[in-house]
Amino acid sequence: MAITIAPVWKITNEDLMELSERNPGYQFERTNKGELVVTPTGAEGGRASGDIFGQLRDWNRRKGFGIVFDSSTGFHLSDGSVLSPDASWVKKDRWDALTKEQRQGFGPFCPDAVFEILSIGQSLHELQRKMERYTANGAQTAVLIDPFQRTVEIYRPGQKPNLITNPTRVALDPELSGFVLDLAPVFES
């Protein structure tokens, strides 16, 4: 279950980094309103996000188009929030433009593609709002996977979400050219 805390002081990026380092196994995020969101990762959610990360990593190794990040990576978005998708990808030229110092902290950008998997205790509505925040902050595609209802929602800027029910595979062209998400292992329970 995610916990949202309205702190009495402003949580800085450094505070978030320290919280993350001191509390492995928890995901710390900051909303654009300054609220602290703490989400533990269960085994099933970790398994599913690991599979998504693995598929994305394997595709990227073949294509070499960008950089892949796991669920422990935080990104400082232009609206002030710091979010950590379950898996994400950024174009290589955007990564190459960063200094060594910028690469050490939270990514100072929104990834080009983000993936979130609904876990027990999470609210579908809150994750849908999170997907909208990603696209409002620069993500070209945001993929929300609900393993309980066996659905995938694909968000793109300026478009209504595309809901796909009970898919086995989902192509994510043109943003992730040639990447086809295999849902069979993700929907496996």
C-alpha atoms as a PDB file:
ATOM      1  CA  MET A   1       0.000   0.000   0.000  1.00  0.00           C
ATOM      2  CA  ALA A   2       1.352   3.418  -0.946  1.00  0.00           C
ATOM      3  CA  ILE A   3       1.605   5.999   1.797  1.00  0.00           C
ATOM      4  CA  THR A   4       1.331   9.710   0.981  1.00  0.00           C
ATOM      5  CA  ILE A   5       2.755  12.174   3.483  1.00  0.00           C
ATOM      6  CA  ALA A   6       2.352  15.950   3.413  1.00  0.00           C
ATOM      7  CA  PRO A   7       5.627  17.004   5.095  1.00  0.00           C
ATOM      8  CA  VAL A   8       5.930  20.195   7.105  1.00  0.00           C
ATOM      9  CA  TRP A   9       9.130  21.091   5.245  1.00  0.00           C
ATOM     10  CA  LYS A  10      10.102  20.925   1.595  1.00  0.00           C
ATOM     11  CA  ILE A  11      11.599  17.544   0.677  1.00  0.00           C
ATOM     12  CA  THR A  12      14.666  18.220  -1.464  1.00  0.00           C
ATOM     13  CA  ASN A  13      16.221  15.912  -4.038  1.00  0.00           C
ATOM     14  CA  GLU A  14      19.037  15.292  -1.566  1.00  0.00           C
ATOM     15  CA  ASP A  15      16.497  14.292   1.122  1.00  0.00           C
ATOM     16  CA  LEU A  16      14.873  11.841  -1.291  1.00  0.00           C
ATOM     17  CA  MET A  17      18.228  10.359  -2.255  1.00  0.00           C
ATOM     18  CA  GLU A  18      19.174   9.870   1.398  1.00  0.00           C
ATOM     19  CA  LEU A  19      15.796   8.292   2.237  1.00  0.00           C
ATOM     20  CA  SER A  20      16.228   5.886  -0.670  1.00  0.00           C
ATOM     21  CA  GLU A  21      19.758   4.937   0.351  1.00  0.00           C
ATOM     22  CA  ARG A  22      18.774   4.366   3.995  1.00  0.00           C
ATOM     23  CA  ASN A  23      15.615   2.377   3.197  1.00  0.00           C
ATOM     24  CA  PRO A  24      16.259  -0.204   0.479  1.00  0.00           C
ATOM     25  CA  GLY A  25      13.128  -1.975  -0.726  1.00  0.00           C
ATOM     26  CA  TYR A  26      11.009   1.171  -0.645  1.00  0.00           C
ATOM     27  CA  GLN A  27      10.358   3.567  -3.474  1.00  0.00           C
ATOM     28  CA  PHE A  28      10.320   7.245  -2.506  1.00  0.00           C
ATOM     29  CA  GLU A  29       8.746   9.788  -4.821  1.00  0.00           C
ATOM     30  CA  ARG A  30       7.799  13.452  -4.522  1.00  0.00           C
ATOM     31  CA  THR A  31       4.666  14.787  -6.159  1.00  0.00           C
ATOM     32  CA  ASN A  32       4.541  18.164  -7.868  1.00  0.00           C
ATOM     33  CA  LYS A  33       2.691  19.389  -4.731  1.00  0.00           C
ATOM     34  CA  GLY A  34       5.650  18.404  -2.533  1.00  0.00           C
ATOM     35  CA  GLU A  35       4.008  15.332  -0.989  1.00  0.00           C
ATOM     36  CA  LEU A  36       6.195  12.328  -0.200  1.00  0.00           C
ATOM     37  CA  VAL A  37       4.900   9.022  -1.580  1.00  0.00           C
ATOM     38  CA  VAL A  38       6.338   5.800  -0.145  1.00  0.00           C
ATOM     39  CA  THR A  39       5.631   2.513  -1.901  1.00  0.00           C
ATOM     40  CA  PRO A  40       7.044  -0.853  -0.864  1.00  0.00           C
ATOM     41  CA  THR A  41       7.585  -3.317  -3.672  1.00  0.00           C
ATOM     42  CA  GLY A  42       6.070  -6.765  -3.219  1.00  0.00           C
ATOM     43  CA  ALA A  43       7.616  -9.884  -4.691  1.00  0.00           C
ATOM     44  CA  GLU A  44       5.026 -10.273  -7.456  1.00  0.00           C
ATOM     45  CA  GLY A  45       5.285  -6.627  -8.489  1.00  0.00           C
ATOM     46  CA  GLY A  46       9.069  -6.860  -8.480  1.00  0.00           C
ATOM     47  CA  ARG A  47       8.944  -9.992 -10.617  1.00  0.00           C
ATOM     48  CA  ALA A  48       6.670  -8.348 -13.191  1.00  0.00           C
ATOM     49  CA  SER A  49       8.651  -5.096 -13.333  1.00  0.00           C
ATOM     50  CA  GLY A  50      11.861  -7.121 -13.641  1.00  0.00           C
ATOM     51  CA  ASP A  51      10.415  -8.884 -16.655  1.00  0.00           C
ATOM     52  CA  ILE A  52       9.439  -5.590 -18.309  1.00  0.00           C
ATOM     53  CA  PHE A  53      12.892  -4.175 -17.582  1.00  0.00           C
ATOM     54  CA  GLY A  54      14.507  -7.295 -19.056  1.00  0.00           C
ATOM     55  CA  GLN A  55      12.497  -7.100 -22.265  1.00  0.00           C
ATOM     56  CA  LEU A  56      13.286  -3.399 -22.641  1.00  0.00           C
ATOM     57  CA  ARG A  57      16.986  -3.971 -21.905  1.00  0.00           C
ATOM     58  CA  ASP A  58      17.230  -6.839 -24.417  1.00  0.00           C
ATOM     59  CA  TRP A  59      15.543  -4.768 -27.150  1.00  0.00           C
ATOM     60  CA  ASN A  60      17.809  -1.809 -26.415  1.00  0.00           C
ATOM     61  CA  ARG A  61      20.940  -3.972 -26.546  1.00  0.00           C
ATOM     62  CA  ARG A  62      19.958  -5.096 -30.038  1.00  0.00           C
ATOM     63  CA  LYS A  63      18.975  -1.626 -31.275  1.00  0.00           C
ATOM     64  CA  GLY A  64      21.279   0.667 -29.276  1.00  0.00           C
ATOM     65  CA  PHE A  65      18.792   3.536 -29.442  1.00  0.00           C
ATOM     66  CA  GLY A  66      19.032   4.668 -25.830  1.00  0.00           C
ATOM     67  CA  ILE A  67      19.475   3.936 -22.152  1.00  0.00           C
ATOM     68  CA  VAL A  68      17.247   1.690 -19.999  1.00  0.00           C
ATOM     69  CA  PHE A  69      16.556   2.319 -16.297  1.00  0.00           C
ATOM     70  CA  ASP A  70      15.143   0.078 -13.570  1.00  0.00           C
ATOM     71  CA  SER A  71      12.589   0.884 -10.875  1.00  0.00           C
ATOM     72  CA  SER A  72      15.139   2.317  -8.461  1.00  0.00           C
ATOM     73  CA  THR A  73      15.849   5.286 -10.745  1.00  0.00           C
ATOM     74  CA  GLY A  74      14.243   8.619  -9.912  1.00  0.00           C
ATOM     75  CA  PHE A  75      13.616  11.371 -12.439  1.00  0.00           C
ATOM     76  CA  HIS A  76      13.228  15.049 -11.551  1.00  0.00           C
ATOM     77  CA  LEU A  77      10.454  16.241 -13.867  1.00  0.00           C
ATOM     78  CA  SER A  78       9.865  19.805 -15.013  1.00  0.00           C
ATOM     79  CA  ASP A  79       6.784  20.140 -12.750  1.00  0.00           C
ATOM     80  CA  GLY A  80       9.009  19.622  -9.665  1.00  0.00           C
ATOM     81  CA  SER A  81       8.018  16.018  -8.976  1.00  0.00           C
ATOM     82  CA  VAL A  82      10.489  13.166  -8.646  1.00  0.00           C
ATOM     83  CA  LEU A  83       9.021   9.917  -9.950  1.00  0.00           C
ATOM     84  CA  SER A  84      10.404   6.391 -10.306  1.00  0.00           C
ATOM     85  CA  PRO A  85       8.702   4.309 -12.990  1.00  0.00           C
ATOM     86  CA  ASP A  86       8.932   0.515 -12.846  1.00  0.00           C
ATOM     87  CA  ALA A  87      11.029   0.613 -16.028  1.00  0.00           C
ATOM     88  CA  SER A  88      11.964   3.440 -18.374  1.00  0.00           C
ATOM     89  CA  TRP A  89      13.948   4.374 -21.438  1.00  0.00           C
ATOM     90  CA  VAL A  90      15.530   7.576 -22.739  1.00  0.00           C
ATOM     91  CA  LYS A  91      16.963   8.349 -26.164  1.00  0.00           C
ATOM     92  CA  LYS A  92      20.735   8.090 -26.302  1.00  0.00           C
ATOM     93  CA  ASP A  93      21.297  11.690 -27.432  1.00  0.00           C
ATOM     94  CA  ARG A  94      19.416  13.014 -24.394  1.00  0.00           C
ATOM     95  CA  TRP A  95      21.554  10.879 -22.069  1.00  0.00           C
ATOM     96  CA  ASP A  96      24.767  11.843 -23.872  1.00  0.00           C
ATOM     97  CA  ALA A  97      23.916  15.542 -23.382  1.00  0.00           C
ATOM     98  CA  LEU A  98      24.112  15.184 -19.577  1.00  0.00           C
ATOM     99  CA  THR A  99      27.211  16.011 -17.574  1.00  0.00           C
ATOM    100  CA  LYS A 100      28.791  13.405 -15.293  1.00  0.00           C
ATOM    101  CA  GLU A 101      27.360  15.297 -12.312  1.00  0.00           C
ATOM    102  CA  GLN A 102      23.835  15.257 -13.756  1.00  0.00           C
ATOM    103  CA  ARG A 103      24.081  11.498 -14.227  1.00  0.00           C
ATOM    104  CA  GLN A 104      24.846  10.959 -10.538  1.00  0.00           C
ATOM    105  CA  GLY A 105      21.604  12.352  -9.102  1.00  0.00           C
ATOM    106  CA  PHE A 106      18.014  11.974 -10.193  1.00  0.00           C
ATOM    107  CA  GLY A 107      17.672  12.151 -13.965  1.00  0.00           C
ATOM    108  CA  PRO A 108      16.985  15.839 -14.753  1.00  0.00           C
ATOM    109  CA  PHE A 109      14.336  14.966 -17.351  1.00  0.00           C
ATOM    110  CA  CYS A 110      11.298  12.833 -17.997  1.00  0.00           C
ATOM    111  CA  PRO A 111      12.140   9.571 -19.785  1.00  0.00           C
ATOM    112  CA  ASP A 112      10.887   9.142 -23.337  1.00  0.00           C
ATOM    113  CA  ALA A 113       9.090   5.910 -22.384  1.00  0.00           C
ATOM    114  CA  VAL A 114       7.867   4.784 -18.961  1.00  0.00           C
ATOM    115  CA  PHE A 115       6.243   1.596 -17.709  1.00  0.00           C
ATOM    116  CA  GLU A 116       4.175   1.175 -14.551  1.00  0.00           C
ATOM    117  CA  ILE A 117       2.652  -2.078 -13.267  1.00  0.00           C
ATOM    118  CA  LEU A 118      -0.322  -1.987 -10.918  1.00  0.00           C
ATOM    119  CA  SER A 119       0.441  -3.800  -7.658  1.00  0.00           C
ATOM    120  CA  ILE A 120      -1.781  -4.873  -4.812  1.00  0.00           C
ATOM    121  CA  GLY A 121      -2.447  -1.869  -2.603  1.00  0.00           C
ATOM    122  CA  GLN A 122      -1.991   0.650  -5.403  1.00  0.00           C
ATOM    123  CA  SER A 123      -4.861   2.674  -6.795  1.00  0.00           C
ATOM    124  CA  LEU A 124      -5.490   2.311 -10.525  1.00  0.00           C
ATOM    125  CA  HIS A 125      -6.810   5.878 -10.600  1.00  0.00           C
ATOM    126  CA  GLU A 126      -3.634   7.250  -8.999  1.00  0.00           C
ATOM    127  CA  LEU A 127      -1.446   5.369 -11.476  1.00  0.00           C
ATOM    128  CA  GLN A 128      -3.556   6.697 -14.354  1.00  0.00           C
ATOM    129  CA  ARG A 129      -2.973  10.236 -13.061  1.00  0.00           C
ATOM    130  CA  LYS A 130       0.726   9.440 -12.798  1.00  0.00           C
ATOM    131  CA  MET A 131       0.774   8.368 -16.455  1.00  0.00           C
ATOM    132  CA  GLU A 132      -0.816  11.687 -17.401  1.00  0.00           C
ATOM    133  CA  ARG A 133       1.910  13.489 -15.429  1.00  0.00           C
ATOM    134  CA  TYR A 134       4.587  11.596 -17.324  1.00  0.00           C
ATOM    135  CA  THR A 135       3.177  12.617 -20.721  1.00  0.00           C
ATOM    136  CA  ALA A 136       2.599  16.210 -19.533  1.00  0.00           C
ATOM    137  CA  ASN A 137       6.289  16.328 -18.555  1.00  0.00           C
ATOM    138  CA  GLY A 138       7.685  14.972 -21.810  1.00  0.00           C
ATOM    139  CA  ALA A 139       7.218  11.197 -22.010  1.00  0.00           C
ATOM    140  CA  GLN A 140       6.342  10.174 -25.555  1.00  0.00           C
ATOM    141  CA  THR A 141       4.723   6.958 -24.383  1.00  0.00           C
ATOM    142  CA  ALA A 142       3.611   5.796 -20.946  1.00  0.00           C
ATOM    143  CA  VAL A 143       2.459   2.199 -20.513  1.00  0.00           C
ATOM    144  CA  LEU A 144       0.244   1.181 -17.585  1.00  0.00           C
ATOM    145  CA  ILE A 145      -0.132  -2.564 -17.074  1.00  0.00           C
ATOM    146  CA  ASP A 146      -2.900  -3.997 -14.883  1.00  0.00           C
ATOM    147  CA  PRO A 147      -2.094  -7.700 -14.361  1.00  0.00           C
ATOM    148  CA  PHE A 148      -5.300  -8.251 -12.356  1.00  0.00           C
ATOM    149  CA  GLN A 149      -7.651  -7.141 -15.139  1.00  0.00           C
ATOM    150  CA  ARG A 150      -5.145  -8.158 -17.843  1.00  0.00           C
ATOM    151  CA  THR A 151      -5.208  -4.741 -19.488  1.00  0.00           C
ATOM    152  CA  VAL A 152      -2.658  -2.341 -20.909  1.00  0.00           C
ATOM    153  CA  GLU A 153      -3.247   1.407 -21.217  1.00  0.00           C
ATOM    154  CA  ILE A 154      -0.954   3.333 -23.535  1.00  0.00           C
ATOM    155  CA  TYR A 155      -0.688   7.090 -22.981  1.00  0.00           C
ATOM    156  CA  ARG A 156       0.737   9.499 -25.544  1.00  0.00           C
ATOM    157  CA  PRO A 157       0.834  13.317 -25.416  1.00  0.00           C
ATOM    158  CA  GLY A 158      -2.336  14.961 -26.696  1.00  0.00           C
ATOM    159  CA  GLN A 159      -4.197  11.653 -27.124  1.00  0.00           C
ATOM    160  CA  LYS A 160      -6.719   9.716 -25.085  1.00  0.00           C
ATOM    161  CA  PRO A 161      -5.300   6.553 -23.505  1.00  0.00           C
ATOM    162  CA  ASN A 162      -5.507   3.446 -25.672  1.00  0.00           C
ATOM    163  CA  LEU A 163      -6.972   0.586 -23.596  1.00  0.00           C
ATOM    164  CA  ILE A 164      -6.092  -2.932 -24.750  1.00  0.00           C
ATOM    165  CA  THR A 165      -7.833  -5.856 -23.044  1.00  0.00           C
ATOM    166  CA  ASN A 166      -6.161  -9.253 -22.594  1.00  0.00           C
ATOM    167  CA  PRO A 167      -3.278  -8.707 -25.044  1.00  0.00           C
ATOM    168  CA  THR A 168      -0.505 -11.229 -25.486  1.00  0.00           C
ATOM    169  CA  ARG A 169       1.827  -8.752 -27.219  1.00  0.00           C
ATOM    170  CA  VAL A 170       1.785  -4.978 -27.694  1.00  0.00           C
ATOM    171  CA  ALA A 171       3.923  -3.129 -30.253  1.00  0.00           C
ATOM    172  CA  LEU A 172       5.104   0.287 -29.085  1.00  0.00           C
ATOM    173  CA  ASP A 173       6.034   1.819 -32.423  1.00  0.00           C
ATOM    174  CA  PRO A 174       6.921   4.467 -33.352  1.00  0.00           C
ATOM    175  CA  GLU A 175       8.390   5.638 -30.005  1.00  0.00           C
ATOM    176  CA  LEU A 176      10.179   2.324 -29.359  1.00  0.00           C
ATOM    177  CA  SER A 177      10.839   1.215 -32.915  1.00  0.00           C
ATOM    178  CA  GLY A 178      10.622  -2.560 -33.174  1.00  0.00           C
ATOM    179  CA  PHE A 179       9.866  -3.126 -29.481  1.00  0.00           C
ATOM    180  CA  VAL A 180       7.034  -5.572 -28.850  1.00  0.00           C
ATOM    181  CA  LEU A 181       6.049  -6.054 -25.213  1.00  0.00           C
ATOM    182  CA  ASP A 182       5.341  -9.713 -24.407  1.00  0.00           C
ATOM    183  CA  LEU A 183       2.599  -9.750 -21.760  1.00  0.00           C
ATOM    184  CA  ALA A 184       2.456 -13.525 -21.202  1.00  0.00           C
ATOM    185  CA  PRO A 185       5.174 -13.550 -18.507  1.00  0.00           C
ATOM    186  CA  VAL A 186       3.808 -10.357 -16.940  1.00  0.00           C
ATOM    187  CA  PHE A 187       0.245 -11.682 -16.681  1.00  0.00           C
ATOM    188  CA  GLU A 188       1.535 -15.002 -15.351  1.00  0.00           C
ATOM    189  CA  SER A 189       0.553 -15.479 -11.732  1.00  0.00           C
END
